């Protein structure tokens, strides 16, 4: 119907154009691991996350006057000389309190920067699923769920979370879905009940296990661990703590 809310899933940033997001609300997803890590970092006390495309760009943002942490990965491994990698559980209160995190990853931070053309941008993960659900339900703008994917290709773990968000909206509102949203929804219907197993089965999950990071997969599968939603701010471009709190869990029983 003409009055139904548009809900669009983009299975990889390369599959969308910048102007597609104009006037809309974007939720950017990189389950393994950037969006999961950002939620952990802000929950642990980071005041902001500065996403960067390149390693040298990240190094250049480190200032002498403020507490700054350099974090990120390439090919799943920590960047040499950085303070932290991209493992969510590295981001403890002892490391993060009152720090600005300068962050660069292979896929996730690129997706955040490409989706910055949206009017409003939120960071989504399974660990803050219900908090994100409540934000997207009460913001009437067209919704774009942007999956970071894997090297320009769709990723199972991101597609599953996109499908879970679509499933929630279809139960609570009248929506008009694009084909990628329907594909994501179908994927969630088939695999979402076995979340940890599905994440381990994914290409990114298998790669992380080969590097010894299985605990990161388990951390990413902890639905509703946090009741907070990171949100993009501008001038300078940064991700900060946005909404906090949930009314109830929206994860399917």
C-alpha atoms as a PDB file:
ATOM      1  CA  UNK A   1       0.000   0.000   0.000  1.00  0.00           C
ATOM      2  CA  UNK A   2       1.092   3.566  -0.659  1.00  0.00           C
ATOM      3  CA  UNK A   3       1.058   4.445   3.065  1.00  0.00           C
ATOM      4  CA  UNK A   4       3.096   1.420   4.172  1.00  0.00           C
ATOM      5  CA  UNK A   5       6.493   2.206   5.632  1.00  0.00           C
ATOM      6  CA  UNK A   6       9.375   1.410   3.297  1.00  0.00           C
ATOM      7  CA  UNK A   7      11.824  -1.105   4.768  1.00  0.00           C
ATOM      8  CA  UNK A   8      14.877  -1.786   2.635  1.00  0.00           C
ATOM      9  CA  UNK A   9      17.673  -4.234   3.369  1.00  0.00           C
ATOM     10  CA  UNK A  10      21.029  -3.703   1.642  1.00  0.00           C
ATOM     11  CA  UNK A  11      22.953  -6.973   1.884  1.00  0.00           C
ATOM     12  CA  UNK A  12      26.286  -5.220   1.308  1.00  0.00           C
ATOM     13  CA  UNK A  13      27.223  -1.516   1.117  1.00  0.00           C
ATOM     14  CA  UNK A  14      28.354  -1.973  -2.479  1.00  0.00           C
ATOM     15  CA  UNK A  15      24.765  -2.844  -3.423  1.00  0.00           C
ATOM     16  CA  UNK A  16      23.396   0.606  -2.552  1.00  0.00           C
ATOM     17  CA  UNK A  17      23.930   4.160  -3.738  1.00  0.00           C
ATOM     18  CA  UNK A  18      24.550   7.036  -1.330  1.00  0.00           C
ATOM     19  CA  UNK A  19      21.404   8.889  -2.384  1.00  0.00           C
ATOM     20  CA  UNK A  20      19.278   5.795  -1.652  1.00  0.00           C
ATOM     21  CA  UNK A  21      19.518   6.664   2.049  1.00  0.00           C
ATOM     22  CA  UNK A  22      18.664  10.378   1.815  1.00  0.00           C
ATOM     23  CA  UNK A  23      15.845  11.267   4.193  1.00  0.00           C
ATOM     24  CA  UNK A  24      15.933   7.851   5.833  1.00  0.00           C
ATOM     25  CA  UNK A  25      16.859   6.043   9.010  1.00  0.00           C
ATOM     26  CA  UNK A  26      19.749   3.597   8.663  1.00  0.00           C
ATOM     27  CA  UNK A  27      20.713   0.709  10.919  1.00  0.00           C
ATOM     28  CA  UNK A  28      24.222  -0.507  10.152  1.00  0.00           C
ATOM     29  CA  UNK A  29      25.062  -4.106  11.016  1.00  0.00           C
ATOM     30  CA  UNK A  30      28.409  -5.895  11.280  1.00  0.00           C
ATOM     31  CA  UNK A  31      27.687  -8.724  13.698  1.00  0.00           C
ATOM     32  CA  UNK A  32      31.182 -10.266  13.386  1.00  0.00           C
ATOM     33  CA  UNK A  33      32.411  -7.978  14.714  1.00  0.00           C
ATOM     34  CA  UNK A  34      32.441  -4.180  14.396  1.00  0.00           C
ATOM     35  CA  UNK A  35      28.896  -3.316  15.484  1.00  0.00           C
ATOM     36  CA  UNK A  36      29.057  -5.798  18.375  1.00  0.00           C
ATOM     37  CA  UNK A  37      32.380  -4.303  19.452  1.00  0.00           C
ATOM     38  CA  UNK A  38      31.082  -0.711  19.281  1.00  0.00           C
ATOM     39  CA  UNK A  39      28.181  -1.583  21.581  1.00  0.00           C
ATOM     40  CA  UNK A  40      30.604  -3.222  24.025  1.00  0.00           C
ATOM     41  CA  UNK A  41      32.966  -0.223  23.886  1.00  0.00           C
ATOM     42  CA  UNK A  42      30.271   2.353  24.627  1.00  0.00           C
ATOM     43  CA  UNK A  43      28.782   0.169  27.362  1.00  0.00           C
ATOM     44  CA  UNK A  44      32.259  -0.013  28.925  1.00  0.00           C
ATOM     45  CA  UNK A  45      32.592   3.766  29.061  1.00  0.00           C
ATOM     46  CA  UNK A  46      33.981   5.014  25.760  1.00  0.00           C
ATOM     47  CA  UNK A  47      32.609   8.492  25.089  1.00  0.00           C
ATOM     48  CA  UNK A  48      32.812   8.237  21.294  1.00  0.00           C
ATOM     49  CA  UNK A  49      33.927   5.991  18.455  1.00  0.00           C
ATOM     50  CA  UNK A  50      35.610   7.574  15.416  1.00  0.00           C
ATOM     51  CA  UNK A  51      35.233   5.198  12.438  1.00  0.00           C
ATOM     52  CA  UNK A  52      38.059   5.344   9.881  1.00  0.00           C
ATOM     53  CA  UNK A  53      38.612   3.758   6.499  1.00  0.00           C
ATOM     54  CA  UNK A  54      42.362   3.301   6.678  1.00  0.00           C
ATOM     55  CA  UNK A  55      44.976   2.441   9.295  1.00  0.00           C
ATOM     56  CA  UNK A  56      47.049   5.587   8.681  1.00  0.00           C
ATOM     57  CA  UNK A  57      43.934   7.755   8.914  1.00  0.00           C
ATOM     58  CA  UNK A  58      43.235   6.216  12.311  1.00  0.00           C
ATOM     59  CA  UNK A  59      46.771   6.842  13.532  1.00  0.00           C
ATOM     60  CA  UNK A  60      46.517  10.479  12.447  1.00  0.00           C
ATOM     61  CA  UNK A  61      43.441  11.017  14.652  1.00  0.00           C
ATOM     62  CA  UNK A  62      45.264  10.195  17.874  1.00  0.00           C
ATOM     63  CA  UNK A  63      45.674  13.428  19.832  1.00  0.00           C
ATOM     64  CA  UNK A  64      48.139  14.061  22.672  1.00  0.00           C
ATOM     65  CA  UNK A  65      45.692  15.946  24.888  1.00  0.00           C
ATOM     66  CA  UNK A  66      42.873  13.401  25.161  1.00  0.00           C
ATOM     67  CA  UNK A  67      42.629   9.774  26.144  1.00  0.00           C
ATOM     68  CA  UNK A  68      42.465   7.992  22.793  1.00  0.00           C
ATOM     69  CA  UNK A  69      42.497   4.282  22.064  1.00  0.00           C
ATOM     70  CA  UNK A  70      43.416   2.883  18.670  1.00  0.00           C
ATOM     71  CA  UNK A  71      41.536  -0.281  17.795  1.00  0.00           C
ATOM     72  CA  UNK A  72      40.793  -2.373  14.748  1.00  0.00           C
ATOM     73  CA  UNK A  73      41.728  -5.281  12.553  1.00  0.00           C
ATOM     74  CA  UNK A  74      42.780  -6.336   9.120  1.00  0.00           C
ATOM     75  CA  UNK A  75      41.909  -9.829   7.889  1.00  0.00           C
ATOM     76  CA  UNK A  76      40.520 -10.470  11.376  1.00  0.00           C
ATOM     77  CA  UNK A  77      43.821  -9.845  13.161  1.00  0.00           C
ATOM     78  CA  UNK A  78      44.699  -6.859  15.395  1.00  0.00           C
ATOM     79  CA  UNK A  79      46.585  -4.060  13.655  1.00  0.00           C
ATOM     80  CA  UNK A  80      50.227  -3.988  14.816  1.00  0.00           C
ATOM     81  CA  UNK A  81      50.872  -1.092  17.179  1.00  0.00           C
ATOM     82  CA  UNK A  82      47.184  -0.545  18.028  1.00  0.00           C
ATOM     83  CA  UNK A  83      45.945  -0.644  21.614  1.00  0.00           C
ATOM     84  CA  UNK A  84      43.145  -3.117  20.923  1.00  0.00           C
ATOM     85  CA  UNK A  85      41.882  -5.378  18.190  1.00  0.00           C
ATOM     86  CA  UNK A  86      38.248  -6.063  17.314  1.00  0.00           C
ATOM     87  CA  UNK A  87      37.304  -8.591  19.990  1.00  0.00           C
ATOM     88  CA  UNK A  88      34.262  -7.300  21.906  1.00  0.00           C
ATOM     89  CA  UNK A  89      35.392  -8.561  25.288  1.00  0.00           C
ATOM     90  CA  UNK A  90      38.696  -6.672  25.093  1.00  0.00           C
ATOM     91  CA  UNK A  91      36.693  -3.498  25.687  1.00  0.00           C
ATOM     92  CA  UNK A  92      36.511  -3.387  29.468  1.00  0.00           C
ATOM     93  CA  UNK A  93      35.668  -0.484  31.763  1.00  0.00           C
ATOM     94  CA  UNK A  94      39.303  -0.350  32.882  1.00  0.00           C
ATOM     95  CA  UNK A  95      40.421   0.292  29.302  1.00  0.00           C
ATOM     96  CA  UNK A  96      37.508   2.316  27.978  1.00  0.00           C
ATOM     97  CA  UNK A  97      36.295   4.710  30.651  1.00  0.00           C
ATOM     98  CA  UNK A  98      36.248   8.291  29.278  1.00  0.00           C
ATOM     99  CA  UNK A  99      38.234   7.287  26.187  1.00  0.00           C
ATOM    100  CA  UNK A 100      37.631   8.131  22.548  1.00  0.00           C
ATOM    101  CA  UNK A 101      37.987   5.041  20.395  1.00  0.00           C
ATOM    102  CA  UNK A 102      39.533   5.473  16.945  1.00  0.00           C
ATOM    103  CA  UNK A 103      38.396   2.392  15.051  1.00  0.00           C
ATOM    104  CA  UNK A 104      39.087   0.850  11.652  1.00  0.00           C
ATOM    105  CA  UNK A 105      38.005  -2.576  10.403  1.00  0.00           C
ATOM    106  CA  UNK A 106      37.959  -4.487   7.142  1.00  0.00           C
ATOM    107  CA  UNK A 107      34.208  -4.234   6.510  1.00  0.00           C
ATOM    108  CA  UNK A 108      32.273  -2.585   9.331  1.00  0.00           C
ATOM    109  CA  UNK A 109      33.694   0.916   9.508  1.00  0.00           C
ATOM    110  CA  UNK A 110      33.422   1.203   5.723  1.00  0.00           C
ATOM    111  CA  UNK A 111      29.713   0.417   5.990  1.00  0.00           C
ATOM    112  CA  UNK A 112      29.211   3.060   8.698  1.00  0.00           C
ATOM    113  CA  UNK A 113      30.885   5.738   6.606  1.00  0.00           C
ATOM    114  CA  UNK A 114      28.998   4.847   3.434  1.00  0.00           C
ATOM    115  CA  UNK A 115      25.669   4.885   5.287  1.00  0.00           C
ATOM    116  CA  UNK A 116      26.370   8.326   6.781  1.00  0.00           C
ATOM    117  CA  UNK A 117      24.247   9.782   3.963  1.00  0.00           C
ATOM    118  CA  UNK A 118      21.145   8.780   5.964  1.00  0.00           C
ATOM    119  CA  UNK A 119      19.396  11.408   8.087  1.00  0.00           C
ATOM    120  CA  UNK A 120      19.890   9.238  11.169  1.00  0.00           C
ATOM    121  CA  UNK A 121      22.200   6.256  11.636  1.00  0.00           C
ATOM    122  CA  UNK A 122      22.058   3.632  14.395  1.00  0.00           C
ATOM    123  CA  UNK A 123      24.410   0.745  15.125  1.00  0.00           C
ATOM    124  CA  UNK A 124      22.733  -2.645  15.416  1.00  0.00           C
ATOM    125  CA  UNK A 125      23.862  -6.025  16.730  1.00  0.00           C
ATOM    126  CA  UNK A 126      22.244  -9.028  18.350  1.00  0.00           C
ATOM    127  CA  UNK A 127      23.582  -7.768  21.680  1.00  0.00           C
ATOM    128  CA  UNK A 128      21.334  -4.679  21.493  1.00  0.00           C
ATOM    129  CA  UNK A 129      18.535  -6.117  19.371  1.00  0.00           C
ATOM    130  CA  UNK A 130      15.487  -5.054  21.413  1.00  0.00           C
ATOM    131  CA  UNK A 131      16.836  -1.555  22.038  1.00  0.00           C
ATOM    132  CA  UNK A 132      17.252  -1.083  18.281  1.00  0.00           C
ATOM    133  CA  UNK A 133      13.762  -2.489  17.679  1.00  0.00           C
ATOM    134  CA  UNK A 134      12.208   0.177  19.868  1.00  0.00           C
ATOM    135  CA  UNK A 135      14.095   2.958  18.112  1.00  0.00           C
ATOM    136  CA  UNK A 136      13.120   1.865  14.607  1.00  0.00           C
ATOM    137  CA  UNK A 137       9.500   1.316  15.620  1.00  0.00           C
ATOM    138  CA  UNK A 138       9.098   4.899  16.837  1.00  0.00           C
ATOM    139  CA  UNK A 139      10.976   6.621  13.997  1.00  0.00           C
ATOM    140  CA  UNK A 140       8.647   6.829  11.009  1.00  0.00           C
ATOM    141  CA  UNK A 141      11.290   7.551   8.368  1.00  0.00           C
ATOM    142  CA  UNK A 142      11.966   5.004   5.617  1.00  0.00           C
ATOM    143  CA  UNK A 143      14.223   2.334   7.092  1.00  0.00           C
ATOM    144  CA  UNK A 144      17.444   1.106   5.519  1.00  0.00           C
ATOM    145  CA  UNK A 145      19.142  -1.887   7.134  1.00  0.00           C
ATOM    146  CA  UNK A 146      22.717  -1.819   5.876  1.00  0.00           C
ATOM    147  CA  UNK A 147      24.720  -5.024   6.232  1.00  0.00           C
ATOM    148  CA  UNK A 148      28.511  -4.698   6.230  1.00  0.00           C
ATOM    149  CA  UNK A 149      28.850  -8.049   4.504  1.00  0.00           C
ATOM    150  CA  UNK A 150      32.137  -9.728   3.722  1.00  0.00           C
ATOM    151  CA  UNK A 151      34.395  -8.206   1.065  1.00  0.00           C
ATOM    152  CA  UNK A 152      31.475  -6.859  -0.953  1.00  0.00           C
ATOM    153  CA  UNK A 153      29.375 -10.011  -0.637  1.00  0.00           C
ATOM    154  CA  UNK A 154      26.419 -10.754   1.663  1.00  0.00           C
ATOM    155  CA  UNK A 155      27.288 -12.313   5.031  1.00  0.00           C
ATOM    156  CA  UNK A 156      25.045 -14.832   6.759  1.00  0.00           C
ATOM    157  CA  UNK A 157      25.371 -13.300  10.234  1.00  0.00           C
ATOM    158  CA  UNK A 158      24.412  -9.794   9.065  1.00  0.00           C
ATOM    159  CA  UNK A 159      21.585 -11.134   6.915  1.00  0.00           C
ATOM    160  CA  UNK A 160      20.176 -12.985   9.933  1.00  0.00           C
ATOM    161  CA  UNK A 161      20.071  -9.845  12.063  1.00  0.00           C
ATOM    162  CA  UNK A 162      18.512  -7.870   9.211  1.00  0.00           C
ATOM    163  CA  UNK A 163      15.887 -10.594   8.947  1.00  0.00           C
ATOM    164  CA  UNK A 164      15.204 -10.480  12.679  1.00  0.00           C
ATOM    165  CA  UNK A 165      14.566  -6.724  12.462  1.00  0.00           C
ATOM    166  CA  UNK A 166      12.275  -7.236   9.471  1.00  0.00           C
ATOM    167  CA  UNK A 167      10.431  -9.975  11.366  1.00  0.00           C
ATOM    168  CA  UNK A 168       9.878  -7.594  14.285  1.00  0.00           C
ATOM    169  CA  UNK A 169       8.557  -4.807  12.063  1.00  0.00           C
ATOM    170  CA  UNK A 170       6.245  -7.101  10.133  1.00  0.00           C
ATOM    171  CA  UNK A 171       4.626  -8.080  13.420  1.00  0.00           C
ATOM    172  CA  UNK A 172       4.175  -4.483  14.588  1.00  0.00           C
ATOM    173  CA  UNK A 173       3.615  -2.242  11.535  1.00  0.00           C
ATOM    174  CA  UNK A 174       2.467  -2.106   7.925  1.00  0.00           C
ATOM    175  CA  UNK A 175       5.608  -2.244   5.814  1.00  0.00           C
ATOM    176  CA  UNK A 176       6.670  -2.411   2.182  1.00  0.00           C
ATOM    177  CA  UNK A 177       9.705  -4.682   1.806  1.00  0.00           C
ATOM    178  CA  UNK A 178      12.277  -4.861  -0.956  1.00  0.00           C
ATOM    179  CA  UNK A 179      13.400  -8.268  -2.193  1.00  0.00           C
ATOM    180  CA  UNK A 180      16.546  -8.249  -0.042  1.00  0.00           C
ATOM    181  CA  UNK A 181      14.386  -7.701   3.038  1.00  0.00           C
ATOM    182  CA  UNK A 182      12.321 -10.730   2.114  1.00  0.00           C
ATOM    183  CA  UNK A 183      15.460 -12.809   1.551  1.00  0.00           C
ATOM    184  CA  UNK A 184      16.812 -11.736   4.948  1.00  0.00           C
ATOM    185  CA  UNK A 185      13.472 -12.519   6.597  1.00  0.00           C
ATOM    186  CA  UNK A 186      13.447 -15.999   5.034  1.00  0.00           C
ATOM    187  CA  UNK A 187      17.006 -16.567   6.233  1.00  0.00           C
ATOM    188  CA  UNK A 188      16.068 -15.635   9.772  1.00  0.00           C
ATOM    189  CA  UNK A 189      12.999 -17.864   9.680  1.00  0.00           C
ATOM    190  CA  UNK A 190      15.203 -20.816   8.716  1.00  0.00           C
ATOM    191  CA  UNK A 191      18.296 -20.206  10.841  1.00  0.00           C
ATOM    192  CA  UNK A 192      17.440 -17.683  13.562  1.00  0.00           C
ATOM    193  CA  UNK A 193      16.400 -20.280  16.139  1.00  0.00           C
ATOM    194  CA  UNK A 194      19.927 -21.687  16.078  1.00  0.00           C
ATOM    195  CA  UNK A 195      21.758 -18.407  16.269  1.00  0.00           C
ATOM    196  CA  UNK A 196      25.105 -19.422  17.728  1.00  0.00           C
ATOM    197  CA  UNK A 197      25.349 -22.381  15.372  1.00  0.00           C
ATOM    198  CA  UNK A 198      24.488 -20.189  12.390  1.00  0.00           C
ATOM    199  CA  UNK A 199      27.146 -17.624  13.321  1.00  0.00           C
ATOM    200  CA  UNK A 200      29.739 -20.378  13.656  1.00  0.00           C
ATOM    201  CA  UNK A 201      28.680 -21.773  10.283  1.00  0.00           C
ATOM    202  CA  UNK A 202      29.088 -18.440   8.495  1.00  0.00           C
ATOM    203  CA  UNK A 203      32.196 -17.631   6.470  1.00  0.00           C
ATOM    204  CA  UNK A 204      33.244 -14.960   8.968  1.00  0.00           C
ATOM    205  CA  UNK A 205      32.585 -17.321  11.855  1.00  0.00           C
ATOM    206  CA  UNK A 206      34.732 -20.057  10.369  1.00  0.00           C
ATOM    207  CA  UNK A 207      37.510 -17.542   9.748  1.00  0.00           C
ATOM    208  CA  UNK A 208      37.376 -16.253  13.323  1.00  0.00           C
ATOM    209  CA  UNK A 209      37.501 -19.795  14.691  1.00  0.00           C
ATOM    210  CA  UNK A 210      40.567 -20.507  12.562  1.00  0.00           C
ATOM    211  CA  UNK A 211      42.247 -17.488  14.179  1.00  0.00           C
ATOM    212  CA  UNK A 212      41.318 -18.601  17.693  1.00  0.00           C
ATOM    213  CA  UNK A 213      38.464 -16.114  18.214  1.00  0.00           C
ATOM    214  CA  UNK A 214      35.537 -18.457  18.868  1.00  0.00           C
ATOM    215  CA  UNK A 215      34.720 -16.509  22.037  1.00  0.00           C
ATOM    216  CA  UNK A 216      33.959 -13.481  19.837  1.00  0.00           C
ATOM    217  CA  UNK A 217      31.262 -15.497  18.070  1.00  0.00           C
ATOM    218  CA  UNK A 218      29.721 -16.491  21.385  1.00  0.00           C
ATOM    219  CA  UNK A 219      29.793 -12.854  22.523  1.00  0.00           C
ATOM    220  CA  UNK A 220      28.083 -11.718  19.322  1.00  0.00           C
ATOM    221  CA  UNK A 221      25.276 -14.248  19.825  1.00  0.00           C
ATOM    222  CA  UNK A 222      24.247 -12.886  23.259  1.00  0.00           C
ATOM    223  CA  UNK A 223      20.882 -11.379  22.373  1.00  0.00           C
ATOM    224  CA  UNK A 224      19.906  -8.283  24.393  1.00  0.00           C
ATOM    225  CA  UNK A 225      23.027  -8.206  26.553  1.00  0.00           C
ATOM    226  CA  UNK A 226      22.816  -4.392  26.417  1.00  0.00           C
ATOM    227  CA  UNK A 227      19.899  -1.936  26.409  1.00  0.00           C
ATOM    228  CA  UNK A 228      21.615   0.836  24.478  1.00  0.00           C
ATOM    229  CA  UNK A 229      21.770   2.102  20.903  1.00  0.00           C
ATOM    230  CA  UNK A 230      24.867   3.782  19.459  1.00  0.00           C
ATOM    231  CA  UNK A 231      24.066   6.657  17.099  1.00  0.00           C
ATOM    232  CA  UNK A 232      26.117   8.597  14.570  1.00  0.00           C
ATOM    233  CA  UNK A 233      26.843  12.269  15.275  1.00  0.00           C
ATOM    234  CA  UNK A 234      28.450  14.742  12.919  1.00  0.00           C
ATOM    235  CA  UNK A 235      31.107  17.472  12.922  1.00  0.00           C
ATOM    236  CA  UNK A 236      33.224  15.543  13.613  1.00  0.00           C
ATOM    237  CA  UNK A 237      31.800  12.243  12.428  1.00  0.00           C
ATOM    238  CA  UNK A 238      31.579   9.972  15.462  1.00  0.00           C
ATOM    239  CA  UNK A 239      29.388   7.337  17.082  1.00  0.00           C
ATOM    240  CA  UNK A 240      28.121   8.068  20.586  1.00  0.00           C
ATOM    241  CA  UNK A 241      25.696   6.582  23.053  1.00  0.00           C
ATOM    242  CA  UNK A 242      22.163   7.378  21.908  1.00  0.00           C
ATOM    243  CA  UNK A 243      19.045   5.871  23.443  1.00  0.00           C
ATOM    244  CA  UNK A 244      19.288   3.755  26.593  1.00  0.00           C
ATOM    245  CA  UNK A 245      16.695   1.331  27.938  1.00  0.00           C
ATOM    246  CA  UNK A 246      14.082  -1.072  26.610  1.00  0.00           C
ATOM    247  CA  UNK A 247      10.463  -1.714  27.506  1.00  0.00           C
ATOM    248  CA  UNK A 248      10.642  -5.465  26.858  1.00  0.00           C
ATOM    249  CA  UNK A 249      12.509  -8.058  24.880  1.00  0.00           C
ATOM    250  CA  UNK A 250      11.422  -8.269  21.244  1.00  0.00           C
ATOM    251  CA  UNK A 251      13.351 -11.438  20.438  1.00  0.00           C
ATOM    252  CA  UNK A 252      10.975 -14.136  19.156  1.00  0.00           C
ATOM    253  CA  UNK A 253      10.119 -16.765  21.746  1.00  0.00           C
END
